[in-house]
Amino acid sequence: MDAALGRQYSEADVFRTALFYVFLILFVPVAAFFSSRTLLFDALLGLDTSTSTLYAAVVTVLVIHGVLGLYVMRAFREDSKAQKKD
């Protein structure tokens, strides 16, 4: 229970949210790396291995920032909802 805000979160809700973002942070960047390297940079653009790996790493960093941004937005949204109810 968040005593300052008067809200109560069930353990299942907290666990489900944390697990969702753990999967996003772990698997989405890995999938973005391999799919962009294989499909976009190797197959479609025909770049050599080192160049396609470098560009795929840049795509992965951008995806990680996007996923972390989603997590931060979710945290701020929950905080603002709690403040509006007061």
PDB file of N, CA and C in Angstrom:
ATOM      1  N   MET A   1       0.840  -1.183   0.000  1.00  0.00           N
ATOM      2  CA  MET A   1       0.000   0.000   0.000  1.00  0.00           C
ATOM      3  C   MET A   1       0.879   1.237   0.000  1.00  0.00           C
ATOM      4  N   ASP A   2       0.526   2.186  -0.781  1.00  0.00           N
ATOM      5  CA  ASP A   2       1.236   3.457  -0.823  1.00  0.00           C
ATOM      6  C   ASP A   2       0.524   4.406   0.122  1.00  0.00           C
ATOM      7  N   ALA A   3       1.066   4.557   1.314  1.00  0.00           N
ATOM      8  CA  ALA A   3       0.388   5.309   2.356  1.00  0.00           C
ATOM      9  C   ALA A   3       0.248   6.783   2.003  1.00  0.00           C
ATOM     10  N   ALA A   4       1.233   7.345   1.319  1.00  0.00           N
ATOM     11  CA  ALA A   4       1.178   8.768   0.990  1.00  0.00           C
ATOM     12  C   ALA A   4       0.056   9.072   0.006  1.00  0.00           C
ATOM     13  N   LEU A   5      -0.228   8.136  -0.882  1.00  0.00           N
ATOM     14  CA  LEU A   5      -1.257   8.375  -1.898  1.00  0.00           C
ATOM     15  C   LEU A   5      -2.576   7.688  -1.572  1.00  0.00           C
ATOM     16  N   GLY A   6      -2.578   6.801  -0.606  1.00  0.00           N
ATOM     17  CA  GLY A   6      -3.797   6.117  -0.242  1.00  0.00           C
ATOM     18  C   GLY A   6      -4.229   5.068  -1.248  1.00  0.00           C
ATOM     19  N   ARG A   7      -3.302   4.611  -2.096  1.00  0.00           N
ATOM     20  CA  ARG A   7      -3.641   3.590  -3.084  1.00  0.00           C
ATOM     21  C   ARG A   7      -3.074   2.263  -2.638  1.00  0.00           C
ATOM     22  N   GLN A   8      -3.748   1.229  -3.036  1.00  0.00           N
ATOM     23  CA  GLN A   8      -3.294  -0.104  -2.683  1.00  0.00           C
ATOM     24  C   GLN A   8      -3.101  -0.898  -3.964  1.00  0.00           C
ATOM     25  N   TYR A   9      -1.915  -1.455  -4.120  1.00  0.00           N
ATOM     26  CA  TYR A   9      -1.596  -2.269  -5.288  1.00  0.00           C
ATOM     27  C   TYR A   9      -1.497  -3.715  -4.847  1.00  0.00           C
ATOM     28  N   SER A  10      -2.138  -4.585  -5.578  1.00  0.00           N
ATOM     29  CA  SER A  10      -1.997  -5.992  -5.243  1.00  0.00           C
ATOM     30  C   SER A  10      -0.631  -6.485  -5.710  1.00  0.00           C
ATOM     31  N   GLU A  11      -0.143  -7.505  -5.065  1.00  0.00           N
ATOM     32  CA  GLU A  11       1.159  -8.058  -5.431  1.00  0.00           C
ATOM     33  C   GLU A  11       1.144  -8.603  -6.851  1.00  0.00           C
ATOM     34  N   ALA A  12       0.015  -9.141  -7.262  1.00  0.00           N
ATOM     35  CA  ALA A  12      -0.101  -9.681  -8.615  1.00  0.00           C
ATOM     36  C   ALA A  12       0.014  -8.581  -9.661  1.00  0.00           C
ATOM     37  N   ASP A  13      -0.600  -7.424  -9.400  1.00  0.00           N
ATOM     38  CA  ASP A  13      -0.510  -6.307 -10.345  1.00  0.00           C
ATOM     39  C   ASP A  13       0.911  -5.788 -10.475  1.00  0.00           C
ATOM     40  N   VAL A  14       1.584  -5.653  -9.351  1.00  0.00           N
ATOM     41  CA  VAL A  14       2.964  -5.175  -9.367  1.00  0.00           C
ATOM     42  C   VAL A  14       3.856  -6.172 -10.079  1.00  0.00           C
ATOM     43  N   PHE A  15       3.692  -7.457  -9.783  1.00  0.00           N
ATOM     44  CA  PHE A  15       4.493  -8.498 -10.414  1.00  0.00           C
ATOM     45  C   PHE A  15       4.230  -8.561 -11.916  1.00  0.00           C
ATOM     46  N   ARG A  16       2.982  -8.460 -12.314  1.00  0.00           N
ATOM     47  CA  ARG A  16       2.624  -8.523 -13.728  1.00  0.00           C
ATOM     48  C   ARG A  16       3.232  -7.357 -14.499  1.00  0.00           C
ATOM     49  N   THR A  17       3.166  -6.166 -13.926  1.00  0.00           N
ATOM     50  CA  THR A  17       3.740  -4.989 -14.576  1.00  0.00           C
ATOM     51  C   THR A  17       5.256  -5.103 -14.673  1.00  0.00           C
ATOM     52  N   ALA A  18       5.891  -5.513 -13.595  1.00  0.00           N
ATOM     53  CA  ALA A  18       7.349  -5.662 -13.606  1.00  0.00           C
ATOM     54  C   ALA A  18       7.778  -6.736 -14.599  1.00  0.00           C
ATOM     55  N   LEU A  19       7.083  -7.838 -14.635  1.00  0.00           N
ATOM     56  CA  LEU A  19       7.421  -8.921 -15.554  1.00  0.00           C
ATOM     57  C   LEU A  19       7.249  -8.496 -17.006  1.00  0.00           C
ATOM     58  N   PHE A  20       6.213  -7.735 -17.279  1.00  0.00           N
ATOM     59  CA  PHE A  20       5.981  -7.237 -18.637  1.00  0.00           C
ATOM     60  C   PHE A  20       7.152  -6.375 -19.108  1.00  0.00           C
ATOM     61  N   TYR A  21       7.585  -5.448 -18.264  1.00  0.00           N
ATOM     62  CA  TYR A  21       8.685  -4.578 -18.662  1.00  0.00           C
ATOM     63  C   TYR A  21      10.028  -5.296 -18.676  1.00  0.00           C
ATOM     64  N   VAL A  22      10.201  -6.303 -17.841  1.00  0.00           N
ATOM     65  CA  VAL A  22      11.423  -7.115 -17.911  1.00  0.00           C
ATOM     66  C   VAL A  22      11.495  -7.817 -19.256  1.00  0.00           C
ATOM     67  N   PHE A  23      10.396  -8.407 -19.686  1.00  0.00           N
ATOM     68  CA  PHE A  23      10.383  -9.062 -20.998  1.00  0.00           C
ATOM     69  C   PHE A  23      10.609  -8.067 -22.124  1.00  0.00           C
ATOM     70  N   LEU A  24      10.010  -6.890 -22.017  1.00  0.00           N
ATOM     71  CA  LEU A  24      10.236  -5.868 -23.044  1.00  0.00           C
ATOM     72  C   LEU A  24      11.703  -5.465 -23.102  1.00  0.00           C
ATOM     73  N   ILE A  25      12.300  -5.222 -21.945  1.00  0.00           N
ATOM     74  CA  ILE A  25      13.678  -4.761 -21.903  1.00  0.00           C
ATOM     75  C   ILE A  25      14.646  -5.840 -22.361  1.00  0.00           C
ATOM     76  N   LEU A  26      14.333  -7.095 -22.098  1.00  0.00           N
ATOM     77  CA  LEU A  26      15.245  -8.174 -22.487  1.00  0.00           C
ATOM     78  C   LEU A  26      15.068  -8.623 -23.934  1.00  0.00           C
ATOM     79  N   PHE A  27      13.842  -8.829 -24.364  1.00  0.00           N
ATOM     80  CA  PHE A  27      13.619  -9.504 -25.638  1.00  0.00           C
ATOM     81  C   PHE A  27      13.417  -8.572 -26.830  1.00  0.00           C
ATOM     82  N   VAL A  28      12.823  -7.428 -26.637  1.00  0.00           N
ATOM     83  CA  VAL A  28      12.584  -6.531 -27.767  1.00  0.00           C
ATOM     84  C   VAL A  28      13.891  -6.007 -28.366  1.00  0.00           C
ATOM     85  N   PRO A  29      14.862  -5.567 -27.552  1.00  0.00           N
ATOM     86  CA  PRO A  29      16.127  -5.138 -28.164  1.00  0.00           C
ATOM     87  C   PRO A  29      16.886  -6.270 -28.869  1.00  0.00           C
ATOM     88  N   VAL A  30      16.856  -7.463 -28.309  1.00  0.00           N
ATOM     89  CA  VAL A  30      17.523  -8.597 -28.955  1.00  0.00           C
ATOM     90  C   VAL A  30      16.854  -8.912 -30.289  1.00  0.00           C
ATOM     91  N   ALA A  31      15.537  -8.915 -30.291  1.00  0.00           N
ATOM     92  CA  ALA A  31      14.803  -9.160 -31.538  1.00  0.00           C
ATOM     93  C   ALA A  31      15.061  -8.049 -32.545  1.00  0.00           C
ATOM     94  N   ALA A  32      15.133  -6.820 -32.076  1.00  0.00           N
ATOM     95  CA  ALA A  32      15.408  -5.697 -32.977  1.00  0.00           C
ATOM     96  C   ALA A  32      16.802  -5.806 -33.581  1.00  0.00           C
ATOM     97  N   PHE A  33      17.774  -6.218 -32.776  1.00  0.00           N
ATOM     98  CA  PHE A  33      19.137  -6.360 -33.280  1.00  0.00           C
ATOM     99  C   PHE A  33      19.208  -7.392 -34.398  1.00  0.00           C
ATOM    100  N   PHE A  34      18.738  -8.597 -34.109  1.00  0.00           N
ATOM    101  CA  PHE A  34      18.887  -9.670 -35.088  1.00  0.00           C
ATOM    102  C   PHE A  34      17.990  -9.475 -36.306  1.00  0.00           C
ATOM    103  N   SER A  35      16.789  -8.967 -36.094  1.00  0.00           N
ATOM    104  CA  SER A  35      15.915  -8.771 -37.251  1.00  0.00           C
ATOM    105  C   SER A  35      16.402  -7.626 -38.133  1.00  0.00           C
ATOM    106  N   SER A  36      16.860  -6.539 -37.524  1.00  0.00           N
ATOM    107  CA  SER A  36      17.350  -5.440 -38.358  1.00  0.00           C
ATOM    108  C   SER A  36      18.652  -5.818 -39.062  1.00  0.00           C
ATOM    109  N   ARG A  37      19.518  -6.548 -38.382  1.00  0.00           N
ATOM    110  CA  ARG A  37      20.769  -6.951 -39.021  1.00  0.00           C
ATOM    111  C   ARG A  37      20.509  -7.924 -40.165  1.00  0.00           C
ATOM    112  N   THR A  38      19.700  -8.934 -39.907  1.00  0.00           N
ATOM    113  CA  THR A  38      19.474  -9.965 -40.905  1.00  0.00           C
ATOM    114  C   THR A  38      18.586  -9.482 -42.047  1.00  0.00           C
ATOM    115  N   LEU A  39      17.437  -8.925 -41.698  1.00  0.00           N
ATOM    116  CA  LEU A  39      16.458  -8.574 -42.732  1.00  0.00           C
ATOM    117  C   LEU A  39      16.754  -7.242 -43.418  1.00  0.00           C
ATOM    118  N   LEU A  40      17.093  -6.242 -42.635  1.00  0.00           N
ATOM    119  CA  LEU A  40      17.245  -4.908 -43.203  1.00  0.00           C
ATOM    120  C   LEU A  40      18.634  -4.673 -43.775  1.00  0.00           C
ATOM    121  N   PHE A  41      19.641  -4.847 -42.949  1.00  0.00           N
ATOM    122  CA  PHE A  41      20.980  -4.447 -43.368  1.00  0.00           C
ATOM    123  C   PHE A  41      21.696  -5.497 -44.217  1.00  0.00           C
ATOM    124  N   ASP A  42      21.504  -6.788 -43.923  1.00  0.00           N
ATOM    125  CA  ASP A  42      22.152  -7.832 -44.730  1.00  0.00           C
ATOM    126  C   ASP A  42      21.373  -8.124 -46.016  1.00  0.00           C
ATOM    127  N   ALA A  43      20.103  -8.460 -45.860  1.00  0.00           N
ATOM    128  CA  ALA A  43      19.326  -8.917 -47.010  1.00  0.00           C
ATOM    129  C   ALA A  43      18.880  -7.760 -47.912  1.00  0.00           C
ATOM    130  N   LEU A  44      18.284  -6.756 -47.320  1.00  0.00           N
ATOM    131  CA  LEU A  44      17.696  -5.684 -48.122  1.00  0.00           C
ATOM    132  C   LEU A  44      18.745  -4.702 -48.653  1.00  0.00           C
ATOM    133  N   LEU A  45      19.627  -4.250 -47.777  1.00  0.00           N
ATOM    134  CA  LEU A  45      20.618  -3.257 -48.190  1.00  0.00           C
ATOM    135  C   LEU A  45      21.931  -3.871 -48.658  1.00  0.00           C
ATOM    136  N   GLY A  46      22.183  -5.122 -48.336  1.00  0.00           N
ATOM    137  CA  GLY A  46      23.370  -5.825 -48.796  1.00  0.00           C
ATOM    138  C   GLY A  46      24.679  -5.308 -48.225  1.00  0.00           C
ATOM    139  N   LEU A  47      24.673  -4.848 -46.978  1.00  0.00           N
ATOM    140  CA  LEU A  47      25.885  -4.346 -46.349  1.00  0.00           C
ATOM    141  C   LEU A  47      26.764  -5.498 -45.873  1.00  0.00           C
ATOM    142  N   ASP A  48      28.054  -5.225 -45.674  1.00  0.00           N
ATOM    143  CA  ASP A  48      28.936  -6.279 -45.170  1.00  0.00           C
ATOM    144  C   ASP A  48      28.640  -6.521 -43.684  1.00  0.00           C
ATOM    145  N   THR A  49      29.205  -7.582 -43.140  1.00  0.00           N
ATOM    146  CA  THR A  49      28.848  -8.045 -41.801  1.00  0.00           C
ATOM    147  C   THR A  49      29.158  -7.025 -40.719  1.00  0.00           C
ATOM    148  N   SER A  50      30.337  -6.439 -40.750  1.00  0.00           N
ATOM    149  CA  SER A  50      30.688  -5.504 -39.676  1.00  0.00           C
ATOM    150  C   SER A  50      29.844  -4.229 -39.730  1.00  0.00           C
ATOM    151  N   THR A  51      29.570  -3.742 -40.902  1.00  0.00           N
ATOM    152  CA  THR A  51      28.750  -2.541 -41.030  1.00  0.00           C
ATOM    153  C   THR A  51      27.309  -2.805 -40.607  1.00  0.00           C
ATOM    154  N   SER A  52      26.769  -3.939 -41.032  1.00  0.00           N
ATOM    155  CA  SER A  52      25.394  -4.262 -40.653  1.00  0.00           C
ATOM    156  C   SER A  52      25.278  -4.498 -39.152  1.00  0.00           C
ATOM    157  N   THR A  53      26.311  -5.076 -38.534  1.00  0.00           N
ATOM    158  CA  THR A  53      26.304  -5.270 -37.089  1.00  0.00           C
ATOM    159  C   THR A  53      26.347  -3.936 -36.361  1.00  0.00           C
ATOM    160  N   LEU A  54      27.148  -3.014 -36.853  1.00  0.00           N
ATOM    161  CA  LEU A  54      27.226  -1.685 -36.244  1.00  0.00           C
ATOM    162  C   LEU A  54      25.886  -0.957 -36.334  1.00  0.00           C
ATOM    163  N   TYR A  55      25.272  -0.966 -37.497  1.00  0.00           N
ATOM    164  CA  TYR A  55      23.980  -0.304 -37.659  1.00  0.00           C
ATOM    165  C   TYR A  55      22.895  -0.989 -36.834  1.00  0.00           C
ATOM    166  N   ALA A  56      22.949  -2.296 -36.739  1.00  0.00           N
ATOM    167  CA  ALA A  56      21.975  -3.019 -35.917  1.00  0.00           C
ATOM    168  C   ALA A  56      22.156  -2.681 -34.443  1.00  0.00           C
ATOM    169  N   ALA A  57      23.389  -2.459 -34.014  1.00  0.00           N
ATOM    170  CA  ALA A  57      23.631  -2.045 -32.626  1.00  0.00           C
ATOM    171  C   ALA A  57      23.038  -0.661 -32.365  1.00  0.00           C
ATOM    172  N   VAL A  58      23.133   0.219 -33.331  1.00  0.00           N
ATOM    173  CA  VAL A  58      22.531   1.548 -33.191  1.00  0.00           C
ATOM    174  C   VAL A  58      21.010   1.423 -33.087  1.00  0.00           C
ATOM    175  N   VAL A  59      20.419   0.578 -33.904  1.00  0.00           N
ATOM    176  CA  VAL A  59      18.974   0.333 -33.828  1.00  0.00           C
ATOM    177  C   VAL A  59      18.605  -0.217 -32.458  1.00  0.00           C
ATOM    178  N   THR A  60      19.425  -1.112 -31.928  1.00  0.00           N
ATOM    179  CA  THR A  60      19.165  -1.699 -30.618  1.00  0.00           C
ATOM    180  C   THR A  60      19.210  -0.653 -29.517  1.00  0.00           C
ATOM    181  N   VAL A  61      20.174   0.236 -29.570  1.00  0.00           N
ATOM    182  CA  VAL A  61      20.257   1.305 -28.569  1.00  0.00           C
ATOM    183  C   VAL A  61      19.021   2.200 -28.638  1.00  0.00           C
ATOM    184  N   LEU A  62      18.569   2.513 -29.827  1.00  0.00           N
ATOM    185  CA  LEU A  62      17.360   3.329 -29.975  1.00  0.00           C
ATOM    186  C   LEU A  62      16.128   2.610 -29.421  1.00  0.00           C
ATOM    187  N   VAL A  63      16.048   1.307 -29.672  1.00  0.00           N
ATOM    188  CA  VAL A  63      14.923   0.526 -29.166  1.00  0.00           C
ATOM    189  C   VAL A  63      14.958   0.460 -27.642  1.00  0.00           C
ATOM    190  N   ILE A  64      16.143   0.282 -27.060  1.00  0.00           N
ATOM    191  CA  ILE A  64      16.256   0.248 -25.601  1.00  0.00           C
ATOM    192  C   ILE A  64      15.801   1.574 -25.003  1.00  0.00           C
ATOM    193  N   HIS A  65      16.203   2.675 -25.619  1.00  0.00           N
ATOM    194  CA  HIS A  65      15.760   3.974 -25.122  1.00  0.00           C
ATOM    195  C   HIS A  65      14.244   4.118 -25.234  1.00  0.00           C
ATOM    196  N   GLY A  66      13.666   3.603 -26.307  1.00  0.00           N
ATOM    197  CA  GLY A  66      12.220   3.654 -26.455  1.00  0.00           C
ATOM    198  C   GLY A  66      11.493   2.848 -25.392  1.00  0.00           C
ATOM    199  N   VAL A  67      11.981   1.649 -25.113  1.00  0.00           N
ATOM    200  CA  VAL A  67      11.352   0.794 -24.103  1.00  0.00           C
ATOM    201  C   VAL A  67      11.487   1.418 -22.719  1.00  0.00           C
ATOM    202  N   LEU A  68      12.653   1.934 -22.401  1.00  0.00           N
ATOM    203  CA  LEU A  68      12.826   2.591 -21.106  1.00  0.00           C
ATOM    204  C   LEU A  68      11.962   3.850 -21.010  1.00  0.00           C
ATOM    205  N   GLY A  69      11.786   4.543 -22.128  1.00  0.00           N
ATOM    206  CA  GLY A  69      10.892   5.694 -22.148  1.00  0.00           C
ATOM    207  C   GLY A  69       9.458   5.296 -21.864  1.00  0.00           C
ATOM    208  N   LEU A  70       9.029   4.166 -22.404  1.00  0.00           N
ATOM    209  CA  LEU A  70       7.680   3.668 -22.106  1.00  0.00           C
ATOM    210  C   LEU A  70       7.507   3.378 -20.621  1.00  0.00           C
ATOM    211  N   TYR A  71       8.545   2.786 -20.030  1.00  0.00           N
ATOM    212  CA  TYR A  71       8.497   2.475 -18.604  1.00  0.00           C
ATOM    213  C   TYR A  71       8.390   3.758 -17.767  1.00  0.00           C
ATOM    214  N   VAL A  72       9.174   4.755 -18.107  1.00  0.00           N
ATOM    215  CA  VAL A  72       9.142   6.021 -17.378  1.00  0.00           C
ATOM    216  C   VAL A  72       7.791   6.717 -17.567  1.00  0.00           C
ATOM    217  N   MET A  73       7.262   6.689 -18.787  1.00  0.00           N
ATOM    218  CA  MET A  73       5.948   7.290 -19.028  1.00  0.00           C
ATOM    219  C   MET A  73       4.868   6.606 -18.207  1.00  0.00           C
ATOM    220  N   ARG A  74       4.944   5.293 -18.121  1.00  0.00           N
ATOM    221  CA  ARG A  74       3.964   4.555 -17.318  1.00  0.00           C
ATOM    222  C   ARG A  74       4.063   4.949 -15.849  1.00  0.00           C
ATOM    223  N   ALA A  75       5.280   5.091 -15.350  1.00  0.00           N
ATOM    224  CA  ALA A  75       5.458   5.470 -13.949  1.00  0.00           C
ATOM    225  C   ALA A  75       4.917   6.873 -13.691  1.00  0.00           C
ATOM    226  N   PHE A  76       5.171   7.816 -14.593  1.00  0.00           N
ATOM    227  CA  PHE A  76       4.660   9.169 -14.414  1.00  0.00           C
ATOM    228  C   PHE A  76       3.140   9.215 -14.540  1.00  0.00           C
ATOM    229  N   ARG A  77       2.592   8.422 -15.440  1.00  0.00           N
ATOM    230  CA  ARG A  77       1.142   8.394 -15.606  1.00  0.00           C
ATOM    231  C   ARG A  77       0.450   7.868 -14.355  1.00  0.00           C
ATOM    232  N   GLU A  78       1.011   6.822 -13.742  1.00  0.00           N
ATOM    233  CA  GLU A  78       0.421   6.301 -12.511  1.00  0.00           C
ATOM    234  C   GLU A  78       0.501   7.326 -11.400  1.00  0.00           C
ATOM    235  N   ASP A  79       1.609   8.050 -11.348  1.00  0.00           N
ATOM    236  CA  ASP A  79       1.783   9.070 -10.321  1.00  0.00           C
ATOM    237  C   ASP A  79       0.796  10.220 -10.521  1.00  0.00           C
ATOM    238  N   SER A  80       0.595  10.638 -11.769  1.00  0.00           N
ATOM    239  CA  SER A  80      -0.337  11.744 -12.015  1.00  0.00           C
ATOM    240  C   SER A  80      -1.786  11.325 -11.780  1.00  0.00           C
ATOM    241  N   LYS A  81      -2.124  10.065 -12.061  1.00  0.00           N
ATOM    242  CA  LYS A  81      -3.482   9.581 -11.763  1.00  0.00           C
ATOM    243  C   LYS A  81      -3.755   9.604 -10.267  1.00  0.00           C
ATOM    244  N   ALA A  82      -2.752   9.225  -9.498  1.00  0.00           N
ATOM    245  CA  ALA A  82      -2.913   9.198  -8.051  1.00  0.00           C
ATOM    246  C   ALA A  82      -3.060  10.608  -7.508  1.00  0.00           C
ATOM    247  N   GLN A  83      -2.364  11.565  -8.062  1.00  0.00           N
ATOM    248  CA  GLN A  83      -2.456  12.940  -7.594  1.00  0.00           C
ATOM    249  C   GLN A  83      -3.788  13.578  -7.982  1.00  0.00           C
ATOM    250  N   LYS A  84      -4.369  13.206  -9.110  1.00  0.00           N
ATOM    251  CA  LYS A  84      -5.649  13.774  -9.530  1.00  0.00           C
ATOM    252  C   LYS A  84      -6.787  13.295  -8.640  1.00  0.00           C
ATOM    253  N   LYS A  85      -6.665  12.082  -8.106  1.00  0.00           N
ATOM    254  CA  LYS A  85      -7.720  11.544  -7.250  1.00  0.00           C
ATOM    255  C   LYS A  85      -7.765  12.212  -5.899  1.00  0.00           C
ATOM    256  N   ASP A  86      -6.664  12.851  -5.497  1.00  0.00           N
ATOM    257  CA  ASP A  86      -6.621  13.499  -4.178  1.00  0.00           C
ATOM    258  C   ASP A  86      -7.353  14.805  -4.161  1.00  0.00           C
TER     259      ASP A  86
END
